[in-house]
Amino acid sequence: MLLFQMRMYQEFSFYWSAVSCWLLVEFTAAFEVTTPQSEVVAVHGRAAVLGCRYTPSQSQSLDGLVVTWQTVVGLQVVHSFYYGRDQLERQRASYRNRTALFRSELPSGNASLRLVDVRPEDAGRYLCSVSSLQGTGKAEVQLKFAAFYTEPRLTVQVHSTNVSFWYESEGYPEPEVRWVDPTGQNLSHHTEVSASEGGDGLFSLRTRLDLDHSLGVNYTFTLKNQLINQVIERPVFFSHVGSGHHSKCPRDRLTILGPIFCAVFLWICTAVLVKRHWSKS
């Protein structure tokens, strides 16, 4: 009898463990957290949305729902939601007043984060963690930052032996710069990229092309911001008249005007002499 009871207990334990494992697998598999885009590009001056979705409950209840956004590096808290409301006591100071969830869409499984006033230092990997009565899950999304480059400002400096062409602009990140001749060849040039004086984290670009001014200039300046598919092309035309041409102009004018000046001078002298002669008479 004792042996029979022990055998029944072992069989019951085995079947219960199997059923429990099956229920656990089914329960866990039914809950999922995903990010629709693995990479998001935030543009300067615009809001960015880091997408995140989870499997909602059939009742779409927020009971037991916990949503936490963190940076992958350092696990800094960007935004938290639990007990049915935002919990921002542990939020990193640099994100204060810049984050929000789509509150009305939380019950339907939208845990996306809206980030405003995006800055270059916001770039990085973010972790979306969601926990509910159905299960727990996590997903990552990469945030990149970009800013459209401003209209390039051209400056031409003429020196004794060469001419310098400068283009200046501001944007982000560091762009691809090319100076191309009519044959499509990229010319050697000097480019400087530094922090903008505006304090907004953007880059200040200065690029210079030096050429011998004895030849005419017909080139194309191209700036490419690959991250946001921005392309700026500006043709550069320049023709410098050599000093020899300038030196001939005064001599040519003197050759023409010299006799005229002499004739006028003689006419004035003659008129003065005639006037004196009539006065004495």
C-alpha atoms as a PDB file:
ATOM      1  CA  MET A   1       0.000   0.000   0.000  1.00  0.00           C
ATOM      2  CA  LEU A   2       2.801   2.380   0.904  1.00  0.00           C
ATOM      3  CA  LEU A   3       4.610   1.490  -2.292  1.00  0.00           C
ATOM      4  CA  PHE A   4       1.459   2.207  -4.317  1.00  0.00           C
ATOM      5  CA  GLN A   5       1.035   5.625  -2.663  1.00  0.00           C
ATOM      6  CA  MET A   6       4.632   6.557  -3.328  1.00  0.00           C
ATOM      7  CA  ARG A   7       4.263   5.572  -6.964  1.00  0.00           C
ATOM      8  CA  MET A   8       1.098   7.643  -7.333  1.00  0.00           C
ATOM      9  CA  TYR A   9       2.807  10.617  -5.709  1.00  0.00           C
ATOM     10  CA  GLN A  10       5.740  10.372  -8.103  1.00  0.00           C
ATOM     11  CA  GLU A  11       3.449  10.179 -11.128  1.00  0.00           C
ATOM     12  CA  PHE A  12       1.402  13.133  -9.875  1.00  0.00           C
ATOM     13  CA  SER A  13       4.530  15.161  -9.279  1.00  0.00           C
ATOM     14  CA  PHE A  14       5.787  14.372 -12.767  1.00  0.00           C
ATOM     15  CA  TYR A  15       2.545  15.353 -14.492  1.00  0.00           C
ATOM     16  CA  TRP A  16       2.192  18.501 -12.380  1.00  0.00           C
ATOM     17  CA  SER A  17       5.718  19.596 -13.241  1.00  0.00           C
ATOM     18  CA  ALA A  18       5.032  18.999 -16.924  1.00  0.00           C
ATOM     19  CA  VAL A  19       1.790  20.958 -16.822  1.00  0.00           C
ATOM     20  CA  SER A  20       3.434  23.790 -14.886  1.00  0.00           C
ATOM     21  CA  CYS A  21       6.257  24.032 -17.396  1.00  0.00           C
ATOM     22  CA  TRP A  22       3.782  24.035 -20.274  1.00  0.00           C
ATOM     23  CA  LEU A  23       1.722  26.789 -18.644  1.00  0.00           C
ATOM     24  CA  LEU A  24       4.863  28.829 -17.949  1.00  0.00           C
ATOM     25  CA  VAL A  25       6.083  28.537 -21.547  1.00  0.00           C
ATOM     26  CA  GLU A  26       2.670  29.417 -22.984  1.00  0.00           C
ATOM     27  CA  PHE A  27       2.225  32.300 -20.567  1.00  0.00           C
ATOM     28  CA  THR A  28       5.667  33.732 -21.261  1.00  0.00           C
ATOM     29  CA  ALA A  29       5.449  33.259 -25.034  1.00  0.00           C
ATOM     30  CA  ALA A  30       2.205  35.206 -25.116  1.00  0.00           C
ATOM     31  CA  PHE A  31       3.924  38.364 -23.810  1.00  0.00           C
ATOM     32  CA  GLU A  32       6.393  40.216 -26.003  1.00  0.00           C
ATOM     33  CA  VAL A  33       8.156  43.596 -26.048  1.00  0.00           C
ATOM     34  CA  THR A  34       9.412  44.897 -29.400  1.00  0.00           C
ATOM     35  CA  THR A  35      10.824  48.065 -30.983  1.00  0.00           C
ATOM     36  CA  PRO A  36       9.434  48.729 -34.504  1.00  0.00           C
ATOM     37  CA  GLN A  37      12.679  50.439 -35.524  1.00  0.00           C
ATOM     38  CA  SER A  38      16.094  49.355 -34.330  1.00  0.00           C
ATOM     39  CA  GLU A  39      17.473  52.806 -35.202  1.00  0.00           C
ATOM     40  CA  VAL A  40      15.893  56.265 -34.950  1.00  0.00           C
ATOM     41  CA  VAL A  41      17.443  59.490 -36.303  1.00  0.00           C
ATOM     42  CA  ALA A  42      16.531  62.592 -34.292  1.00  0.00           C
ATOM     43  CA  VAL A  43      16.763  65.911 -36.167  1.00  0.00           C
ATOM     44  CA  HIS A  44      17.793  69.113 -34.404  1.00  0.00           C
ATOM     45  CA  GLY A  45      14.769  71.233 -33.536  1.00  0.00           C
ATOM     46  CA  ARG A  46      12.280  68.372 -33.850  1.00  0.00           C
ATOM     47  CA  ALA A  47      10.857  65.815 -31.404  1.00  0.00           C
ATOM     48  CA  ALA A  48      11.971  62.182 -31.622  1.00  0.00           C
ATOM     49  CA  VAL A  49       9.858  59.112 -30.883  1.00  0.00           C
ATOM     50  CA  LEU A  50      11.540  55.942 -29.633  1.00  0.00           C
ATOM     51  CA  GLY A  51       9.053  53.241 -30.576  1.00  0.00           C
ATOM     52  CA  CYS A  52       8.236  50.388 -28.177  1.00  0.00           C
ATOM     53  CA  ARG A  53       5.260  48.021 -28.113  1.00  0.00           C
ATOM     54  CA  TYR A  54       4.175  45.253 -25.757  1.00  0.00           C
ATOM     55  CA  THR A  55       1.429  42.635 -25.743  1.00  0.00           C
ATOM     56  CA  PRO A  56      -1.558  44.199 -23.960  1.00  0.00           C
ATOM     57  CA  SER A  57      -4.049  42.320 -21.818  1.00  0.00           C
ATOM     58  CA  GLN A  58      -7.456  41.504 -23.237  1.00  0.00           C
ATOM     59  CA  SER A  59      -9.053  43.908 -20.778  1.00  0.00           C
ATOM     60  CA  GLN A  60      -6.434  46.554 -21.671  1.00  0.00           C
ATOM     61  CA  SER A  61      -6.055  47.270 -17.969  1.00  0.00           C
ATOM     62  CA  LEU A  62      -3.054  49.172 -16.589  1.00  0.00           C
ATOM     63  CA  ASP A  63      -3.098  47.183 -13.345  1.00  0.00           C
ATOM     64  CA  GLY A  64       0.417  45.989 -12.600  1.00  0.00           C
ATOM     65  CA  LEU A  65       1.872  47.758 -15.675  1.00  0.00           C
ATOM     66  CA  VAL A  66       5.413  49.070 -15.267  1.00  0.00           C
ATOM     67  CA  VAL A  67       7.200  50.886 -18.125  1.00  0.00           C
ATOM     68  CA  THR A  68      10.800  51.997 -17.714  1.00  0.00           C
ATOM     69  CA  TRP A  69      13.049  53.687 -20.259  1.00  0.00           C
ATOM     70  CA  GLN A  70      16.791  53.668 -19.511  1.00  0.00           C
ATOM     71  CA  THR A  71      20.096  54.316 -21.229  1.00  0.00           C
ATOM     72  CA  VAL A  72      21.907  51.058 -21.950  1.00  0.00           C
ATOM     73  CA  VAL A  73      25.200  52.602 -20.856  1.00  0.00           C
ATOM     74  CA  GLY A  74      24.984  53.354 -17.146  1.00  0.00           C
ATOM     75  CA  LEU A  75      21.283  52.371 -16.911  1.00  0.00           C
ATOM     76  CA  GLN A  76      20.292  55.986 -16.266  1.00  0.00           C
ATOM     77  CA  VAL A  77      16.523  56.402 -15.822  1.00  0.00           C
ATOM     78  CA  VAL A  78      14.991  58.379 -18.679  1.00  0.00           C
ATOM     79  CA  HIS A  79      11.287  57.838 -17.859  1.00  0.00           C
ATOM     80  CA  SER A  80       9.249  55.581 -15.537  1.00  0.00           C
ATOM     81  CA  PHE A  81       5.573  54.692 -15.287  1.00  0.00           C
ATOM     82  CA  TYR A  82       3.906  52.549 -12.607  1.00  0.00           C
ATOM     83  CA  TYR A  83       0.933  52.632 -10.225  1.00  0.00           C
ATOM     84  CA  GLY A  84      -1.007  54.162 -13.103  1.00  0.00           C
ATOM     85  CA  ARG A  85       1.051  57.357 -13.436  1.00  0.00           C
ATOM     86  CA  ASP A  86       4.458  58.786 -14.350  1.00  0.00           C
ATOM     87  CA  GLN A  87       7.126  58.316 -11.682  1.00  0.00           C
ATOM     88  CA  LEU A  88       9.939  60.773 -12.363  1.00  0.00           C
ATOM     89  CA  GLU A  89      11.666  61.031  -8.991  1.00  0.00           C
ATOM     90  CA  ARG A  90      14.614  58.950 -10.229  1.00  0.00           C
ATOM     91  CA  GLN A  91      14.718  60.506 -13.687  1.00  0.00           C
ATOM     92  CA  ARG A  92      18.112  61.760 -14.809  1.00  0.00           C
ATOM     93  CA  ALA A  93      18.250  65.559 -14.543  1.00  0.00           C
ATOM     94  CA  SER A  94      19.295  66.081 -18.187  1.00  0.00           C
ATOM     95  CA  TYR A  95      15.971  64.538 -19.355  1.00  0.00           C
ATOM     96  CA  ARG A  96      13.736  66.565 -17.044  1.00  0.00           C
ATOM     97  CA  ASN A  97      10.712  68.149 -18.787  1.00  0.00           C
ATOM     98  CA  ARG A  98      11.749  66.552 -22.089  1.00  0.00           C
ATOM     99  CA  THR A  99      10.117  63.091 -22.007  1.00  0.00           C
ATOM    100  CA  ALA A 100       6.569  61.762 -22.210  1.00  0.00           C
ATOM    101  CA  LEU A 101       4.689  58.522 -22.880  1.00  0.00           C
ATOM    102  CA  PHE A 102       1.596  58.280 -25.050  1.00  0.00           C
ATOM    103  CA  ARG A 103      -0.694  57.910 -22.037  1.00  0.00           C
ATOM    104  CA  SER A 104      -3.913  57.273 -23.956  1.00  0.00           C
ATOM    105  CA  GLU A 105      -2.257  54.504 -25.995  1.00  0.00           C
ATOM    106  CA  LEU A 106      -0.670  52.607 -23.101  1.00  0.00           C
ATOM    107  CA  PRO A 107      -3.654  50.237 -22.652  1.00  0.00           C
ATOM    108  CA  SER A 108      -3.383  49.156 -26.300  1.00  0.00           C
ATOM    109  CA  GLY A 109       0.312  48.254 -25.960  1.00  0.00           C
ATOM    110  CA  ASN A 110       2.106  51.449 -27.009  1.00  0.00           C
ATOM    111  CA  ALA A 111       4.989  52.174 -24.613  1.00  0.00           C
ATOM    112  CA  SER A 112       6.834  54.544 -26.983  1.00  0.00           C
ATOM    113  CA  LEU A 113       8.797  57.476 -25.586  1.00  0.00           C
ATOM    114  CA  ARG A 114       8.619  61.029 -26.963  1.00  0.00           C
ATOM    115  CA  LEU A 115      11.790  63.084 -26.500  1.00  0.00           C
ATOM    116  CA  VAL A 116      11.865  66.821 -27.254  1.00  0.00           C
ATOM    117  CA  ASP A 117      14.728  69.327 -27.533  1.00  0.00           C
ATOM    118  CA  VAL A 118      16.989  66.516 -28.726  1.00  0.00           C
ATOM    119  CA  ARG A 119      20.708  67.165 -28.315  1.00  0.00           C
ATOM    120  CA  PRO A 120      23.887  65.509 -29.627  1.00  0.00           C
ATOM    121  CA  GLU A 121      24.590  64.031 -26.187  1.00  0.00           C
ATOM    122  CA  ASP A 122      21.227  62.193 -26.298  1.00  0.00           C
ATOM    123  CA  ALA A 123      22.584  59.863 -28.973  1.00  0.00           C
ATOM    124  CA  GLY A 124      23.062  56.285 -27.817  1.00  0.00           C
ATOM    125  CA  ARG A 125      21.238  53.031 -27.049  1.00  0.00           C
ATOM    126  CA  TYR A 126      18.025  53.019 -25.039  1.00  0.00           C
ATOM    127  CA  LEU A 127      16.298  50.135 -23.253  1.00  0.00           C
ATOM    128  CA  CYS A 128      12.499  49.801 -23.082  1.00  0.00           C
ATOM    129  CA  SER A 129      11.423  47.517 -20.209  1.00  0.00           C
ATOM    130  CA  VAL A 130       7.780  46.544 -19.728  1.00  0.00           C
ATOM    131  CA  SER A 131       6.320  44.411 -16.965  1.00  0.00           C
ATOM    132  CA  SER A 132       2.654  43.490 -16.502  1.00  0.00           C
ATOM    133  CA  LEU A 133       0.488  40.732 -15.023  1.00  0.00           C
ATOM    134  CA  GLN A 134       1.102  38.840 -18.263  1.00  0.00           C
ATOM    135  CA  GLY A 135       4.881  38.860 -18.193  1.00  0.00           C
ATOM    136  CA  THR A 136       8.084  40.868 -18.564  1.00  0.00           C
ATOM    137  CA  GLY A 137      10.147  41.856 -21.563  1.00  0.00           C
ATOM    138  CA  LYS A 138      12.831  44.244 -22.865  1.00  0.00           C
ATOM    139  CA  ALA A 139      13.899  45.707 -26.208  1.00  0.00           C
ATOM    140  CA  GLU A 140      16.614  48.124 -27.375  1.00  0.00           C
ATOM    141  CA  VAL A 141      16.607  51.015 -29.834  1.00  0.00           C
ATOM    142  CA  GLN A 142      19.493  53.133 -31.120  1.00  0.00           C
ATOM    143  CA  LEU A 143      19.097  56.923 -31.212  1.00  0.00           C
ATOM    144  CA  LYS A 144      21.238  59.011 -33.565  1.00  0.00           C
ATOM    145  CA  PHE A 145      21.341  62.810 -33.807  1.00  0.00           C
ATOM    146  CA  ALA A 146      21.651  65.002 -36.884  1.00  0.00           C
ATOM    147  CA  ALA A 147      21.200  68.655 -37.849  1.00  0.00           C
ATOM    148  CA  PHE A 148      20.769  70.060 -41.352  1.00  0.00           C
ATOM    149  CA  TYR A 149      23.752  72.155 -42.431  1.00  0.00           C
ATOM    150  CA  THR A 150      23.005  75.831 -42.990  1.00  0.00           C
ATOM    151  CA  GLU A 151      23.417  77.566 -46.345  1.00  0.00           C
ATOM    152  CA  PRO A 152      27.199  77.741 -46.917  1.00  0.00           C
ATOM    153  CA  ARG A 153      28.716  81.232 -46.800  1.00  0.00           C
ATOM    154  CA  LEU A 154      31.393  81.901 -49.441  1.00  0.00           C
ATOM    155  CA  THR A 155      34.413  84.144 -48.889  1.00  0.00           C
ATOM    156  CA  VAL A 156      37.050  84.837 -51.570  1.00  0.00           C
ATOM    157  CA  GLN A 157      40.527  86.056 -50.586  1.00  0.00           C
ATOM    158  CA  VAL A 158      42.850  87.239 -53.383  1.00  0.00           C
ATOM    159  CA  HIS A 159      46.562  87.042 -52.599  1.00  0.00           C
ATOM    160  CA  SER A 160      49.626  87.956 -54.635  1.00  0.00           C
ATOM    161  CA  THR A 161      50.140  84.425 -55.979  1.00  0.00           C
ATOM    162  CA  ASN A 162      46.922  82.546 -55.281  1.00  0.00           C
ATOM    163  CA  VAL A 163      43.225  82.794 -54.466  1.00  0.00           C
ATOM    164  CA  SER A 164      41.556  81.203 -51.421  1.00  0.00           C
ATOM    165  CA  PHE A 165      37.910  80.146 -51.431  1.00  0.00           C
ATOM    166  CA  TRP A 166      36.267  79.626 -48.031  1.00  0.00           C
ATOM    167  CA  TYR A 167      32.910  78.008 -47.315  1.00  0.00           C
ATOM    168  CA  GLU A 168      31.439  78.088 -43.796  1.00  0.00           C
ATOM    169  CA  SER A 169      28.367  76.264 -42.422  1.00  0.00           C
ATOM    170  CA  GLU A 170      26.935  74.713 -39.236  1.00  0.00           C
ATOM    171  CA  GLY A 171      25.303  71.310 -38.721  1.00  0.00           C
ATOM    172  CA  TYR A 172      25.809  67.770 -37.384  1.00  0.00           C
ATOM    173  CA  PRO A 173      27.503  65.279 -37.641  1.00  0.00           C
ATOM    174  CA  GLU A 174      30.758  65.893 -39.520  1.00  0.00           C
ATOM    175  CA  PRO A 175      29.913  65.943 -43.248  1.00  0.00           C
ATOM    176  CA  GLU A 176      31.661  64.735 -46.364  1.00  0.00           C
ATOM    177  CA  VAL A 177      33.199  67.694 -48.242  1.00  0.00           C
ATOM    178  CA  ARG A 178      34.399  67.697 -51.853  1.00  0.00           C
ATOM    179  CA  TRP A 179      35.781  70.327 -54.226  1.00  0.00           C
ATOM    180  CA  VAL A 180      35.436  68.934 -57.753  1.00  0.00           C
ATOM    181  CA  ASP A 181      36.848  70.225 -61.050  1.00  0.00           C
ATOM    182  CA  PRO A 182      34.981  69.987 -64.385  1.00  0.00           C
ATOM    183  CA  THR A 183      36.447  66.500 -64.992  1.00  0.00           C
ATOM    184  CA  GLY A 184      35.036  65.188 -61.700  1.00  0.00           C
ATOM    185  CA  GLN A 185      38.384  65.024 -59.916  1.00  0.00           C
ATOM    186  CA  ASN A 186      38.329  65.787 -56.190  1.00  0.00           C
ATOM    187  CA  LEU A 187      40.820  68.568 -55.424  1.00  0.00           C
ATOM    188  CA  SER A 188      43.084  68.774 -52.414  1.00  0.00           C
ATOM    189  CA  HIS A 189      41.598  71.102 -49.801  1.00  0.00           C
ATOM    190  CA  HIS A 190      41.743  71.987 -46.122  1.00  0.00           C
ATOM    191  CA  THR A 191      38.729  71.400 -43.857  1.00  0.00           C
ATOM    192  CA  GLU A 192      38.252  72.339 -40.197  1.00  0.00           C
ATOM    193  CA  VAL A 193      35.410  71.047 -37.995  1.00  0.00           C
ATOM    194  CA  SER A 194      34.992  72.468 -34.494  1.00  0.00           C
ATOM    195  CA  ALA A 195      32.322  73.032 -31.860  1.00  0.00           C
ATOM    196  CA  SER A 196      29.867  75.774 -32.792  1.00  0.00           C
ATOM    197  CA  GLU A 197      29.942  78.960 -30.738  1.00  0.00           C
ATOM    198  CA  GLY A 198      26.178  78.723 -30.272  1.00  0.00           C
ATOM    199  CA  GLY A 199      26.560  76.225 -27.426  1.00  0.00           C
ATOM    200  CA  ASP A 200      23.996  73.861 -28.992  1.00  0.00           C
ATOM    201  CA  GLY A 201      26.493  71.078 -29.608  1.00  0.00           C
ATOM    202  CA  LEU A 202      26.506  71.512 -33.386  1.00  0.00           C
ATOM    203  CA  PHE A 203      29.614  71.553 -35.567  1.00  0.00           C
ATOM    204  CA  SER A 204      31.075  74.610 -37.268  1.00  0.00           C
ATOM    205  CA  LEU A 205      32.565  73.738 -40.660  1.00  0.00           C
ATOM    206  CA  ARG A 206      35.242  75.755 -42.498  1.00  0.00           C
ATOM    207  CA  THR A 207      36.692  74.433 -45.722  1.00  0.00           C
ATOM    208  CA  ARG A 208      39.293  76.163 -47.888  1.00  0.00           C
ATOM    209  CA  LEU A 209      40.497  75.648 -51.454  1.00  0.00           C
ATOM    210  CA  ASP A 210      43.708  77.406 -52.598  1.00  0.00           C
ATOM    211  CA  LEU A 211      44.334  77.898 -56.319  1.00  0.00           C
ATOM    212  CA  ASP A 212      46.721  79.736 -58.628  1.00  0.00           C
ATOM    213  CA  HIS A 213      44.840  82.862 -59.754  1.00  0.00           C
ATOM    214  CA  SER A 214      46.523  82.884 -63.159  1.00  0.00           C
ATOM    215  CA  LEU A 215      43.864  80.391 -64.282  1.00  0.00           C
ATOM    216  CA  GLY A 216      40.096  80.779 -64.269  1.00  0.00           C
ATOM    217  CA  VAL A 217      38.090  78.874 -61.683  1.00  0.00           C
ATOM    218  CA  ASN A 218      35.163  76.616 -62.544  1.00  0.00           C
ATOM    219  CA  TYR A 219      34.628  74.175 -59.697  1.00  0.00           C
ATOM    220  CA  THR A 220      31.810  72.630 -57.654  1.00  0.00           C
ATOM    221  CA  PHE A 221      31.641  72.577 -53.859  1.00  0.00           C
ATOM    222  CA  THR A 222      29.652  69.625 -52.429  1.00  0.00           C
ATOM    223  CA  LEU A 223      28.615  68.973 -48.819  1.00  0.00           C
ATOM    224  CA  LYS A 224      26.919  65.684 -47.851  1.00  0.00           C
ATOM    225  CA  ASN A 225      25.252  64.871 -44.531  1.00  0.00           C
ATOM    226  CA  GLN A 226      24.788  61.133 -45.012  1.00  0.00           C
ATOM    227  CA  LEU A 227      22.703  60.576 -41.863  1.00  0.00           C
ATOM    228  CA  ILE A 228      19.757  62.635 -43.164  1.00  0.00           C
ATOM    229  CA  ASN A 229      20.522  62.464 -46.909  1.00  0.00           C
ATOM    230  CA  GLN A 230      21.291  66.177 -47.182  1.00  0.00           C
ATOM    231  CA  VAL A 231      23.302  67.247 -50.229  1.00  0.00           C
ATOM    232  CA  ILE A 232      24.400  70.838 -50.922  1.00  0.00           C
ATOM    233  CA  GLU A 233      26.090  71.679 -54.230  1.00  0.00           C
ATOM    234  CA  ARG A 234      27.328  75.140 -55.140  1.00  0.00           C
ATOM    235  CA  PRO A 235      29.200  76.063 -58.363  1.00  0.00           C
ATOM    236  CA  VAL A 236      32.182  78.392 -57.987  1.00  0.00           C
ATOM    237  CA  PHE A 237      33.192  80.626 -60.915  1.00  0.00           C
ATOM    238  CA  PHE A 238      36.050  83.105 -60.688  1.00  0.00           C
ATOM    239  CA  SER A 239      38.113  85.054 -63.195  1.00  0.00           C
ATOM    240  CA  HIS A 240      41.036  87.234 -62.094  1.00  0.00           C
ATOM    241  CA  VAL A 241      42.597  89.810 -64.458  1.00  0.00           C
ATOM    242  CA  GLY A 242      46.377  89.809 -64.147  1.00  0.00           C
ATOM    243  CA  SER A 243      48.348  92.836 -62.999  1.00  0.00           C
ATOM    244  CA  GLY A 244      49.884  93.257 -66.468  1.00  0.00           C
ATOM    245  CA  HIS A 245      46.493  94.147 -67.924  1.00  0.00           C
ATOM    246  CA  HIS A 246      45.878  96.740 -65.239  1.00  0.00           C
ATOM    247  CA  SER A 247      49.295  98.404 -65.822  1.00  0.00           C
ATOM    248  CA  LYS A 248      48.572  99.002 -69.533  1.00  0.00           C
ATOM    249  CA  CYS A 249      45.389 100.964 -68.928  1.00  0.00           C
ATOM    250  CA  PRO A 250      47.013 104.167 -67.498  1.00  0.00           C
ATOM    251  CA  ARG A 251      49.683 104.282 -70.255  1.00  0.00           C
ATOM    252  CA  ASP A 252      47.071 103.871 -72.980  1.00  0.00           C
ATOM    253  CA  ARG A 253      44.963 106.620 -71.503  1.00  0.00           C
ATOM    254  CA  LEU A 254      48.023 108.924 -71.165  1.00  0.00           C
ATOM    255  CA  THR A 255      48.914 108.352 -74.824  1.00  0.00           C
ATOM    256  CA  ILE A 256      45.431 109.436 -75.903  1.00  0.00           C
ATOM    257  CA  LEU A 257      44.858 112.281 -73.458  1.00  0.00           C
ATOM    258  CA  GLY A 258      48.393 113.814 -73.588  1.00  0.00           C
ATOM    259  CA  PRO A 259      48.010 115.679 -76.878  1.00  0.00           C
ATOM    260  CA  ILE A 260      44.562 116.889 -75.838  1.00  0.00           C
ATOM    261  CA  PHE A 261      45.952 118.391 -72.629  1.00  0.00           C
ATOM    262  CA  CYS A 262      48.755 120.114 -74.609  1.00  0.00           C
ATOM    263  CA  ALA A 263      46.323 121.582 -77.136  1.00  0.00           C
ATOM    264  CA  VAL A 264      44.092 122.944 -74.401  1.00  0.00           C
ATOM    265  CA  PHE A 265      47.103 124.480 -72.625  1.00  0.00           C
ATOM    266  CA  LEU A 266      48.315 126.198 -75.807  1.00  0.00           C
ATOM    267  CA  TRP A 267      44.815 127.524 -76.520  1.00  0.00           C
ATOM    268  CA  ILE A 268      44.608 129.037 -73.012  1.00  0.00           C
ATOM    269  CA  CYS A 269      48.046 130.693 -73.381  1.00  0.00           C
ATOM    270  CA  THR A 270      47.094 132.133 -76.748  1.00  0.00           C
ATOM    271  CA  ALA A 271      43.842 133.513 -75.371  1.00  0.00           C
ATOM    272  CA  VAL A 272      45.670 135.229 -72.477  1.00  0.00           C
ATOM    273  CA  LEU A 273      48.221 136.839 -74.830  1.00  0.00           C
ATOM    274  CA  VAL A 274      45.510 138.082 -77.159  1.00  0.00           C
ATOM    275  CA  LYS A 275      43.589 139.586 -74.289  1.00  0.00           C
ATOM    276  CA  ARG A 276      46.663 141.469 -72.992  1.00  0.00           C
ATOM    277  CA  HIS A 277      47.370 142.800 -76.507  1.00  0.00           C
ATOM    278  CA  TRP A 278      43.854 144.232 -76.852  1.00  0.00           C
ATOM    279  CA  SER A 279      44.073 145.740 -73.390  1.00  0.00           C
ATOM    280  CA  LYS A 280      47.255 147.678 -74.251  1.00  0.00           C
ATOM    281  CA  SER A 281      45.702 148.867 -77.490  1.00  0.00           C
END
